[in-house]
Protein backbone atom coordinates (compact mmCIF):
# COMPACT_ATOMS: atom_id res chain seq x y z
CA MET A 1 69.85 107.02 77.04
CA GLN A 2 67.72 109.83 75.72
CA VAL A 3 67.23 110.12 71.97
CA ILE A 4 65.91 113.45 70.74
CA VAL A 5 63.61 112.84 67.78
CA ASP A 6 63.82 115.50 65.10
CA ALA A 7 60.06 115.25 64.62
CA ALA A 8 59.82 117.39 61.50
CA ASN A 9 62.63 115.48 59.79
CA VAL A 10 60.98 112.13 60.59
CA ALA A 11 57.50 113.32 59.58
CA HIS A 12 58.72 114.61 56.21
CA HIS A 13 60.76 111.50 55.38
CA GLY A 14 59.80 110.08 52.01
CA LYS A 15 57.11 112.71 51.46
CA MET A 16 56.47 113.37 47.80
CA GLU A 17 53.36 115.48 47.45
CA GLY A 18 51.54 114.54 50.65
CA LYS A 19 51.69 116.14 54.06
CA PRO A 20 54.20 115.22 56.76
CA SER A 21 53.05 112.12 58.62
CA LEU A 22 52.26 111.85 62.34
CA ASP A 23 52.27 108.06 62.04
CA ARG A 24 55.93 108.11 61.10
CA ILE A 25 56.74 110.07 64.26
CA LEU A 26 54.84 107.54 66.36
CA GLN A 27 56.55 104.63 64.59
CA ALA A 28 59.90 106.16 65.45
CA VAL A 29 58.90 106.49 69.09
CA GLY A 30 57.80 102.86 69.25
CA ALA A 31 60.98 101.59 67.64
CA LEU A 32 63.24 103.59 69.97
CA GLU A 33 61.35 102.42 73.05
CA LYS A 34 61.74 98.80 71.97
CA MET A 35 65.48 99.42 71.70
CA GLY A 36 65.54 100.69 75.28
CA PHE A 37 65.89 104.38 74.48
CA GLN A 38 63.90 107.25 75.96
CA PRO A 39 62.58 109.31 73.04
CA VAL A 40 62.10 113.06 73.41
CA LEU A 41 60.10 114.60 70.56
CA ILE A 42 61.02 118.12 69.46
CA ALA A 43 59.42 119.89 66.51
CA ASP A 44 59.56 123.36 65.02
CA ALA A 45 56.50 125.55 65.49
CA SER A 46 55.48 125.31 61.84
CA LEU A 47 54.92 121.53 61.86
CA ARG A 48 51.49 121.90 63.53
CA HIS A 49 50.27 123.73 60.41
CA GLU A 50 51.53 121.06 58.00
CA ILE A 51 50.99 117.71 59.73
CA ASP A 52 48.37 115.34 58.32
CA GLN A 53 46.55 114.46 61.56
CA LYS A 54 46.42 117.94 63.00
CA ASP A 55 44.00 117.30 65.88
CA ASP A 56 45.91 114.26 67.15
CA TYR A 57 49.17 116.12 66.79
CA LEU A 58 47.93 119.15 68.76
CA LYS A 59 46.68 116.83 71.50
CA LEU A 60 50.18 115.36 71.85
CA VAL A 61 51.59 118.88 72.05
CA GLU A 62 49.09 119.83 74.76
CA GLU A 63 49.97 116.69 76.71
CA GLY A 64 53.66 117.58 76.50
CA LYS A 65 54.53 114.47 74.51
CA ILE A 66 55.74 116.65 71.64
CA GLN A 67 57.74 119.74 72.53
CA GLU A 68 57.59 122.66 70.13
CA VAL A 69 60.53 124.95 69.64
CA PRO A 70 59.56 128.55 70.53
CA SER A 71 58.51 130.62 67.53
CA GLY A 72 61.45 132.44 66.01
CA THR A 73 63.92 129.82 67.26
CA THR A 74 65.83 127.59 64.85
CA ALA A 75 64.78 124.00 65.51
CA ASP A 76 68.09 122.49 64.39
CA HIS A 77 70.12 124.64 66.77
CA HIS A 78 67.70 123.95 69.63
CA ILE A 79 67.94 120.19 69.07
CA LEU A 80 71.74 120.20 68.89
CA LYS A 81 72.06 122.36 72.00
CA ARG A 82 69.65 120.16 73.92
CA ALA A 83 71.48 117.01 72.87
CA GLU A 84 74.81 118.48 73.96
CA GLU A 85 73.51 119.62 77.34
CA GLU A 86 71.84 116.30 78.11
CA ASP A 87 74.41 114.07 76.37
CA ALA A 88 71.64 112.64 74.18
CA LYS A 89 71.55 111.11 70.71
CA ILE A 90 69.49 112.61 67.86
CA LEU A 91 67.25 110.64 65.50
CA SER A 92 67.49 112.59 62.25
CA ASN A 93 68.68 112.32 58.67
CA ASP A 94 69.71 115.98 58.74
CA VAL A 95 73.53 116.16 58.87
CA PHE A 96 73.40 119.68 60.40
CA ARG A 97 76.38 120.69 58.29
CA GLU A 98 76.00 124.41 58.98
CA TYR A 99 76.53 123.82 62.71
CA ASN A 100 79.78 121.86 62.51
CA ASP A 101 81.82 124.81 63.75
CA GLU A 102 79.71 125.26 66.87
CA PHE A 103 78.96 121.65 67.81
CA GLN A 104 81.77 119.12 67.80
CA ASP A 105 81.43 115.71 66.11
CA ILE A 106 77.69 115.93 65.42
CA GLN A 107 77.72 112.65 63.54
CA SER A 108 78.60 110.71 66.69
CA ARG A 109 75.29 111.90 68.15
CA ARG A 110 73.12 111.58 65.04
CA ILE A 111 71.26 108.30 64.46
CA PRO A 112 70.09 107.91 60.82
CA PHE A 113 66.90 106.08 59.86
CA THR A 114 64.84 104.94 56.92
CA PHE A 115 61.37 103.54 56.35
CA LYS A 116 60.69 100.24 54.64
CA GLY A 117 56.99 100.16 54.03
CA ASP A 118 55.35 100.97 57.35
CA ASN A 119 58.39 99.95 59.38
CA ILE A 120 61.20 102.24 60.46
CA LEU A 121 64.78 100.98 60.35
CA VAL A 122 66.97 102.75 62.91
CA GLY A 123 70.69 102.93 62.18
CA SER A 124 73.68 103.60 64.42
CA ALA A 125 75.57 106.78 65.22
CA ALA A 126 79.12 107.11 63.92
CA LYS A 127 81.94 106.44 66.37
CA PRO A 128 83.22 109.64 68.02
CA LYS A 129 86.36 111.04 66.50
CA LYS A 130 89.33 110.80 68.81
CA ILE A 131 91.79 113.64 69.13
CA LYS A 132 95.09 112.42 67.73
CA ASN A 133 97.60 111.43 70.41
CA ILE A 134 95.45 112.72 73.28
CA LEU A 135 96.67 109.90 75.55
CA GLN A 136 100.29 110.85 74.87
CA LYS A 137 99.48 114.53 75.46
CA ILE A 138 97.91 113.73 78.82
CA SER A 139 100.87 111.54 79.80
CA THR A 140 103.37 114.21 78.73
CA GLN A 141 101.66 116.93 80.75
CA THR A 142 101.44 114.60 83.75
CA LEU A 143 105.18 113.91 83.61
CA ASN A 144 105.82 117.64 83.26
CA GLU A 145 103.81 118.21 86.43
CA PHE A 146 105.90 115.59 88.24
CA GLU A 147 109.09 117.31 87.11
CA LYS A 148 107.83 120.59 88.52
CA LYS A 149 107.61 118.74 91.85
CA GLY A 150 111.24 117.68 91.52
CA TYR A 151 110.88 114.18 90.07
CA ASP A 152 112.78 113.45 86.88
CA SER A 153 111.36 111.09 84.31
CA TYR A 154 112.77 108.88 81.61
CA ARG A 155 112.32 110.64 78.25
CA LEU A 156 114.40 108.67 75.73
CA LYS A 157 112.37 107.51 72.74
CA LYS A 158 114.57 105.11 70.84
CA ASN A 159 111.76 102.69 70.06
CA LYS A 160 114.01 99.76 69.11
CA LYS A 161 112.45 96.72 67.49
CA LEU A 162 110.91 94.46 70.10
CA SER A 163 112.17 90.94 70.77
CA GLY A 164 113.38 89.16 73.87
CA ILE A 165 116.98 89.06 72.71
CA ALA A 166 116.91 92.74 71.68
CA VAL A 167 115.70 93.76 75.14
CA ALA A 168 118.37 91.62 76.81
CA LYS A 169 121.18 93.01 74.63
CA GLU A 170 120.11 96.61 75.22
CA ALA A 171 119.95 96.05 78.99
CA ILE A 172 123.39 94.41 78.98
CA ASP A 173 124.89 97.30 77.01
CA ARG A 174 123.43 99.98 79.27
CA ILE A 175 124.36 98.29 82.54
CA THR A 176 127.86 97.52 81.29
CA LYS A 177 128.38 101.12 80.16
CA THR A 178 127.20 102.44 83.50
CA ARG A 179 129.48 100.11 85.44
CA GLU A 180 132.58 100.79 83.35
CA GLU A 181 132.27 104.51 82.79
CA GLY A 182 130.42 105.58 85.90
CA ILE A 183 128.16 107.84 83.84
CA ASP A 184 125.86 110.12 85.77
CA SER A 185 122.38 108.89 84.99
CA LYS A 186 120.86 112.36 85.03
CA LEU A 187 123.20 113.62 82.36
CA GLU A 188 122.75 110.56 80.14
CA ASN A 189 119.03 110.02 80.78
CA VAL A 190 119.72 106.32 81.20
CA PHE A 191 119.32 106.03 84.98
CA MET A 192 117.25 108.28 87.13
CA LYS A 193 118.33 109.89 90.38
CA ILE A 194 115.23 110.48 92.45
CA PRO A 195 114.66 110.71 96.23
CA PHE A 196 114.61 107.32 97.93
CA PHE A 197 111.37 106.52 99.75
CA GLU A 198 111.33 102.81 100.48
CA LYS A 199 113.09 99.84 98.98
CA VAL A 200 111.04 97.23 97.20
CA LEU A 201 113.09 94.37 98.55
CA HIS A 202 110.05 92.76 100.13
CA MET A 203 108.41 92.55 96.69
CA VAL A 204 111.00 90.04 95.53
CA GLU A 205 110.75 86.40 96.61
CA ASP A 206 114.01 86.48 98.54
CA ALA A 207 114.67 89.93 100.00
CA GLU A 208 118.35 89.20 100.51
CA THR A 209 118.98 88.20 96.91
CA THR A 210 117.69 91.27 95.12
CA SER A 211 119.73 92.39 92.12
CA ASP A 212 121.31 95.81 91.92
CA PHE A 213 119.02 96.79 89.06
CA ILE A 214 115.36 96.79 88.11
CA ILE A 215 114.66 96.84 84.39
CA PHE A 216 111.41 98.42 83.25
CA VAL A 217 110.58 97.18 79.75
CA LEU A 218 108.30 99.76 78.14
CA VAL A 219 106.07 98.39 75.39
CA SER A 220 102.91 99.32 73.53
CA PRO A 221 99.73 97.93 75.17
CA ARG A 222 99.38 95.74 72.07
CA ASP A 223 102.66 93.97 72.86
CA TYR A 224 102.26 93.65 76.62
CA ARG A 225 101.37 89.95 76.82
CA ASP A 226 104.14 88.86 74.46
CA ALA A 227 106.69 90.91 76.36
CA VAL A 228 105.61 89.43 79.70
CA ARG A 229 106.25 85.93 78.36
CA ASN A 230 109.91 86.86 77.79
CA ALA A 231 110.48 88.68 81.09
CA GLY A 232 111.89 85.68 82.94
CA ASN A 233 114.28 84.73 80.15
CA ILE A 234 115.46 88.33 79.84
CA ALA A 235 116.25 88.49 83.56
CA VAL A 236 118.24 85.23 83.47
CA THR A 237 120.09 86.21 80.28
CA VAL A 238 121.15 89.61 81.63
CA GLY A 239 122.15 88.17 84.99
CA ASP A 240 124.27 85.38 83.46
CA ARG A 241 126.00 87.57 80.88
CA LEU A 242 126.95 90.23 83.43
CA LYS A 243 127.87 87.58 86.03
CA MET A 244 125.51 89.08 88.56
CA ASP A 245 125.02 87.29 91.84
CA HIS A 246 121.29 87.54 91.26
CA ALA A 247 119.27 88.20 88.12
CA PRO A 248 117.76 91.69 87.80
CA LEU A 249 114.07 92.14 88.31
CA VAL A 250 112.32 92.68 84.95
CA ALA A 251 108.98 94.53 84.98
CA VAL A 252 106.97 94.95 81.78
CA ARG A 253 104.87 98.09 81.57
CA ASN A 254 102.32 99.40 79.09
CA ASP A 255 103.72 102.64 77.71
CA LEU A 256 101.74 105.04 75.57
CA PHE A 257 104.85 106.61 74.01
CA THR A 258 106.18 103.33 72.65
CA LYS A 259 105.22 102.31 69.14
CA PRO A 260 103.76 98.83 68.52
CA GLY A 261 106.49 96.31 67.78
CA SER A 262 109.18 98.31 69.59
CA PHE A 263 110.42 98.85 73.14
CA GLU A 264 112.27 101.20 75.48
CA LEU A 265 114.11 100.52 78.73
CA ASN A 266 114.17 102.46 81.96
CA ILE A 267 116.82 100.81 84.15
CA ILE A 268 117.02 101.93 87.78
CA TYR A 269 119.15 101.02 90.77
CA SER A 270 117.08 98.88 93.14
CA ASP A 271 117.68 101.17 96.10
CA GLU A 272 116.44 104.19 94.16
CA ILE A 273 113.11 102.78 93.09
CA LEU A 274 109.97 104.45 94.41
CA GLU A 275 107.67 101.92 95.96
CA GLU A 276 104.61 104.11 95.40
CA SER A 277 103.98 107.17 93.30
CA PRO A 278 104.45 110.32 95.38
CA TYR A 279 101.38 111.85 93.75
CA HIS A 280 98.07 110.70 92.36
CA VAL A 281 96.85 112.04 89.01
CA ASN A 282 93.48 113.76 88.62
CA ILE A 283 92.37 114.32 85.02
CA THR A 284 89.51 116.66 84.19
CA ILE A 285 88.40 116.09 80.60
CA ASN A 286 85.68 117.24 78.21
CA ASP A 287 82.54 115.12 77.85
CA HIS A 288 83.48 114.08 74.33
CA ASP A 289 86.76 112.37 75.30
CA TYR A 290 85.74 111.22 78.77
CA PRO A 291 84.75 107.59 77.90
CA PHE A 292 87.95 107.03 75.89
CA ILE A 293 90.25 108.48 78.56
CA LYS A 294 88.41 106.62 81.34
CA LYS A 295 88.85 103.36 79.45
CA ASN A 296 92.60 104.01 79.06
CA SER A 297 93.28 105.38 82.56
CA ARG A 298 95.24 102.28 83.54
CA ASN A 299 97.53 102.70 80.54
CA ILE A 300 98.16 106.30 81.59
CA ALA A 301 98.99 105.12 85.12
CA SER A 302 101.34 102.45 83.76
CA THR A 303 103.12 104.95 81.50
CA VAL A 304 103.65 107.44 84.32
CA ALA A 305 104.86 104.73 86.73
CA ALA A 306 107.33 103.28 84.21
CA ARG A 307 108.74 106.67 83.25
CA LEU A 308 109.11 107.83 86.86
CA GLY A 309 110.50 104.56 88.15
CA THR A 310 107.72 103.80 90.61
CA TRP A 311 106.80 100.22 91.43
CA LYS A 312 103.11 100.77 92.07
CA PHE A 313 100.92 102.73 89.70
CA PRO A 314 99.63 106.14 90.71
CA ILE A 315 95.89 106.39 91.17
CA VAL A 316 94.50 108.01 88.02
CA SER A 317 91.02 109.48 88.37
CA VAL A 318 89.09 110.84 85.38
CA LYS A 319 86.07 113.12 85.58
CA PRO A 320 84.14 115.04 82.90
CA SER A 321 83.61 118.79 82.94
CA MET A 322 80.78 120.64 81.24
CA LEU A 323 82.99 123.75 81.20
CA MET A 324 85.36 122.09 78.72
CA GLU A 325 83.36 122.29 75.53
CA LYS A 326 85.86 121.25 72.88
CA PRO A 327 87.32 117.76 72.30
CA GLY A 328 90.96 117.60 73.31
CA ASN A 329 90.57 119.94 76.30
CA PHE A 330 91.84 118.60 79.63
CA GLU A 331 93.52 119.63 82.87
CA ILE A 332 95.95 117.72 85.09
CA HIS A 333 96.16 118.10 88.87
CA LEU A 334 98.47 116.15 91.16
CA GLU A 335 97.35 115.11 94.61
CA LYS A 336 99.71 113.93 97.34
CA GLY A 337 99.96 110.15 97.39
CA GLY A 338 102.36 107.40 98.35
CA ARG A 339 103.67 107.15 101.88
CA ASP A 340 104.88 110.05 104.01
């Protein structure tokens, strides 16, 4: 990774009455190279008139090892713009406060430093700020796009307290109510009615003993492992209590809308389940949020699959765009997927 060295800021560090120091710039370069970084030295035009070892400094400028900002150009702005364009860090103790409105989250790019004797101590940049609920916003827009294509999604957000027995009781109540009252799932948002593509009977050990229902247990990614441990017991409990010939299939899914410690249920008739998502999800995101969204792409896929009632996750691709300058900016595009 490139690190742009704010040469003037480094050279002036700790200066009392003396001139800015070329040695300090060179020490910074050496330290960054040892850390595996590629330093790029940028200085304002006035530094050549102030530096202590003027001849050596001018030689480095002539050799292109130190790049001077054009006269009349603000060095701070030039450095920030360069760092943004090249996705580079900045070695500087300047907090660039006056540029906060133009450049987002400067402190996640800025690496602070200090000198202890003749040695430079290089710090770490702050963690990038994350836009609140950006994962939920992306998931919501994705589900909205699916609905425009004619696919309804589960939208209840009861967030009941998570436990194996609580999940089983809720499933029993919903299935019983549906059986006894014949409630239209679309009107009640309990069961979905979506076009039937292909049954998932072959995904169960015995194709001829599949239950009438598949229960999607929606939990926070933090609770996924604990919920999986209870899946088998939930299936047996629901099947026994409702005197089903065969226990329902219970699938636990990471869900970005569900709060930690709670759960939601999307219960679907087995013959209405979508084996594969009818569309894949393409996310175009700003550079700032790209690593975070890329890391959580599987959770987005799981959320969409659970809310739509698809067995297999949609393919979620994430790519950065230089045209999206502000954190929080993104676009969603659906691409035909599944089986024709």
